[in-house]
Amino acid sequence: MARPKKHILKAKVVSVHMTRSDQLVLKGLAKKCKLSISEYLLHAGLQIELKAKFSDEEIELFRQLVALGNNINQIAKHINTGKNITNEALGDLEKFSLIINKFK
């Protein structure tokens, strides 16, 4: 079991002047990292490595890959029993190929 995080009171406030466009850029970068703008600037200022989380499109592609992977396993079992592949199964294999090519 993981240790509970210690809650540290952050009592200091720092103001930053920026243009509206800079604010929008920072907001977008922070959102990709699932951080507030304050947390994002703190991490960036302390040179802590920042990684963007998966985009909604990448998450959806992953879900599709999982579903297609399950279908491929069923197709493999079907083939191993000596049965023929249906057109639907071939369509699933084509979808799988298209999604894989998006990651290349």
C-alpha atoms as a PDB file:
ATOM      1  CA  MET A   1       0.000   0.000   0.000  1.00  0.00           C
ATOM      2  CA  ALA A   2       1.353   3.433  -0.923  1.00  0.00           C
ATOM      3  CA  ARG A   3       2.032   6.084   1.648  1.00  0.00           C
ATOM      4  CA  PRO A   4      -0.500   8.887   1.868  1.00  0.00           C
ATOM      5  CA  LYS A   5       0.755  12.154   0.365  1.00  0.00           C
ATOM      6  CA  LYS A   6       1.729  14.876   2.792  1.00  0.00           C
ATOM      7  CA  HIS A   7      -0.270  18.043   2.298  1.00  0.00           C
ATOM      8  CA  ILE A   8       2.071  21.012   2.366  1.00  0.00           C
ATOM      9  CA  LEU A   9       0.533  24.426   2.863  1.00  0.00           C
ATOM     10  CA  LYS A  10       1.566  26.744   0.038  1.00  0.00           C
ATOM     11  CA  ALA A  11       1.242  30.188   1.561  1.00  0.00           C
ATOM     12  CA  LYS A  12       3.260  32.273  -0.919  1.00  0.00           C
ATOM     13  CA  VAL A  13       1.618  33.869  -3.968  1.00  0.00           C
ATOM     14  CA  VAL A  14       3.568  35.089  -7.006  1.00  0.00           C
ATOM     15  CA  SER A  15       1.941  37.217  -9.706  1.00  0.00           C
ATOM     16  CA  VAL A  16       2.987  36.870 -13.311  1.00  0.00           C
ATOM     17  CA  HIS A  17       2.212  39.367 -16.063  1.00  0.00           C
ATOM     18  CA  MET A  18       1.587  37.876 -19.506  1.00  0.00           C
ATOM     19  CA  THR A  19      -0.405  38.438 -22.653  1.00  0.00           C
ATOM     20  CA  ARG A  20      -3.754  36.750 -23.191  1.00  0.00           C
ATOM     21  CA  SER A  21      -2.214  34.551 -25.888  1.00  0.00           C
ATOM     22  CA  ASP A  22       0.602  33.470 -23.515  1.00  0.00           C
ATOM     23  CA  GLN A  23      -2.029  32.595 -20.914  1.00  0.00           C
ATOM     24  CA  LEU A  24      -3.966  30.486 -23.413  1.00  0.00           C
ATOM     25  CA  VAL A  25      -0.791  28.658 -24.469  1.00  0.00           C
ATOM     26  CA  LEU A  26       0.132  27.935 -20.839  1.00  0.00           C
ATOM     27  CA  LYS A  27      -3.413  26.806 -20.094  1.00  0.00           C
ATOM     28  CA  GLY A  28      -3.273  24.337 -23.002  1.00  0.00           C
ATOM     29  CA  LEU A  29       0.158  22.994 -21.989  1.00  0.00           C
ATOM     30  CA  ALA A  30      -0.942  22.596 -18.381  1.00  0.00           C
ATOM     31  CA  LYS A  31      -4.145  20.818 -19.429  1.00  0.00           C
ATOM     32  CA  LYS A  32      -2.162  18.307 -21.504  1.00  0.00           C
ATOM     33  CA  CYS A  33      -0.156  17.478 -18.382  1.00  0.00           C
ATOM     34  CA  LYS A  34      -3.322  17.358 -16.242  1.00  0.00           C
ATOM     35  CA  LEU A  35      -1.982  20.213 -14.076  1.00  0.00           C
ATOM     36  CA  SER A  36      -3.223  23.653 -13.109  1.00  0.00           C
ATOM     37  CA  ILE A  37      -1.355  26.614 -14.614  1.00  0.00           C
ATOM     38  CA  SER A  38       0.157  27.253 -11.173  1.00  0.00           C
ATOM     39  CA  GLU A  39       1.418  23.656 -10.869  1.00  0.00           C
ATOM     40  CA  TYR A  40       2.676  23.691 -14.458  1.00  0.00           C
ATOM     41  CA  LEU A  41       4.690  26.897 -13.924  1.00  0.00           C
ATOM     42  CA  LEU A  42       6.055  25.575 -10.625  1.00  0.00           C
ATOM     43  CA  HIS A  43       7.232  22.334 -12.254  1.00  0.00           C
ATOM     44  CA  ALA A  44       8.693  24.190 -15.228  1.00  0.00           C
ATOM     45  CA  GLY A  45      10.417  26.757 -13.001  1.00  0.00           C
ATOM     46  CA  LEU A  46      11.956  24.047 -10.841  1.00  0.00           C
ATOM     47  CA  GLN A  47      13.004  22.159 -13.988  1.00  0.00           C
ATOM     48  CA  ILE A  48      10.959  19.097 -13.125  1.00  0.00           C
ATOM     49  CA  GLU A  49      10.388  16.973 -16.222  1.00  0.00           C
ATOM     50  CA  LEU A  50       6.904  17.535 -17.631  1.00  0.00           C
ATOM     51  CA  LYS A  51       5.184  14.892 -19.741  1.00  0.00           C
ATOM     52  CA  ALA A  52       1.921  15.324 -21.551  1.00  0.00           C
ATOM     53  CA  LYS A  53      -0.705  12.720 -20.778  1.00  0.00           C
ATOM     54  CA  PHE A  54      -2.442  10.787 -23.526  1.00  0.00           C
ATOM     55  CA  SER A  55      -4.788  12.822 -25.693  1.00  0.00           C
ATOM     56  CA  ASP A  56      -8.455  11.856 -25.970  1.00  0.00           C
ATOM     57  CA  GLU A  57      -7.768  10.617 -29.502  1.00  0.00           C
ATOM     58  CA  GLU A  58      -4.918   8.382 -28.289  1.00  0.00           C
ATOM     59  CA  ILE A  59      -7.100   6.957 -25.516  1.00  0.00           C
ATOM     60  CA  GLU A  60      -9.859   6.165 -28.027  1.00  0.00           C
ATOM     61  CA  LEU A  61      -7.333   4.514 -30.374  1.00  0.00           C
ATOM     62  CA  PHE A  62      -6.063   2.422 -27.472  1.00  0.00           C
ATOM     63  CA  ARG A  63      -9.601   1.261 -26.646  1.00  0.00           C
ATOM     64  CA  GLN A  64     -10.141   0.320 -30.291  1.00  0.00           C
ATOM     65  CA  LEU A  65      -6.846  -1.600 -30.310  1.00  0.00           C
ATOM     66  CA  VAL A  66      -7.861  -3.548 -27.219  1.00  0.00           C
ATOM     67  CA  ALA A  67     -11.218  -4.460 -28.769  1.00  0.00           C
ATOM     68  CA  LEU A  68      -9.604  -5.440 -32.064  1.00  0.00           C
ATOM     69  CA  GLY A  69      -6.906  -7.382 -30.218  1.00  0.00           C
ATOM     70  CA  ASN A  70      -9.646  -9.433 -28.542  1.00  0.00           C
ATOM     71  CA  ASN A  71     -11.222 -10.069 -31.955  1.00  0.00           C
ATOM     72  CA  ILE A  72      -7.871 -11.166 -33.387  1.00  0.00           C
ATOM     73  CA  ASN A  73      -7.446 -13.641 -30.529  1.00  0.00           C
ATOM     74  CA  GLN A  74     -10.866 -15.083 -31.330  1.00  0.00           C
ATOM     75  CA  ILE A  75      -9.944 -15.273 -35.043  1.00  0.00           C
ATOM     76  CA  ALA A  76      -6.709 -17.101 -34.177  1.00  0.00           C
ATOM     77  CA  LYS A  77      -8.616 -19.623 -32.045  1.00  0.00           C
ATOM     78  CA  HIS A  78     -11.103 -20.053 -34.886  1.00  0.00           C
ATOM     79  CA  ILE A  79      -8.329 -20.704 -37.438  1.00  0.00           C
ATOM     80  CA  ASN A  80      -6.519 -23.098 -35.104  1.00  0.00           C
ATOM     81  CA  THR A  81      -9.638 -25.256 -34.936  1.00  0.00           C
ATOM     82  CA  GLY A  82      -9.493 -25.567 -38.754  1.00  0.00           C
ATOM     83  CA  LYS A  83     -12.469 -23.334 -39.542  1.00  0.00           C
ATOM     84  CA  ASN A  84     -12.650 -20.675 -42.279  1.00  0.00           C
ATOM     85  CA  ILE A  85     -12.427 -16.929 -41.611  1.00  0.00           C
ATOM     86  CA  THR A  86     -15.569 -14.834 -42.153  1.00  0.00           C
ATOM     87  CA  ASN A  87     -15.650 -11.539 -44.058  1.00  0.00           C
ATOM     88  CA  GLU A  88     -16.378  -9.763 -40.766  1.00  0.00           C
ATOM     89  CA  ALA A  89     -13.193 -11.177 -39.277  1.00  0.00           C
ATOM     90  CA  LEU A  90     -11.197 -10.020 -42.306  1.00  0.00           C
ATOM     91  CA  GLY A  91     -12.716  -6.543 -41.870  1.00  0.00           C
ATOM     92  CA  ASP A  92     -11.546  -6.498 -38.241  1.00  0.00           C
ATOM     93  CA  LEU A  93      -8.024  -7.375 -39.371  1.00  0.00           C
ATOM     94  CA  GLU A  94      -8.100  -4.467 -41.852  1.00  0.00           C
ATOM     95  CA  LYS A  95      -9.290  -2.057 -39.113  1.00  0.00           C
ATOM     96  CA  PHE A  96      -6.483  -3.257 -36.869  1.00  0.00           C
ATOM     97  CA  SER A  97      -3.947  -2.608 -39.625  1.00  0.00           C
ATOM     98  CA  LEU A  98      -5.278   0.936 -40.195  1.00  0.00           C
ATOM     99  CA  ILE A  99      -5.074   1.816 -36.501  1.00  0.00           C
ATOM    100  CA  ILE A 100      -1.550   0.398 -36.189  1.00  0.00           C
ATOM    101  CA  ASN A 101      -0.454   2.528 -39.155  1.00  0.00           C
ATOM    102  CA  LYS A 102      -1.639   5.676 -37.320  1.00  0.00           C
ATOM    103  CA  PHE A 103       1.054   5.030 -34.692  1.00  0.00           C
ATOM    104  CA  LYS A 104       3.875   4.776 -37.249  1.00  0.00           C
END
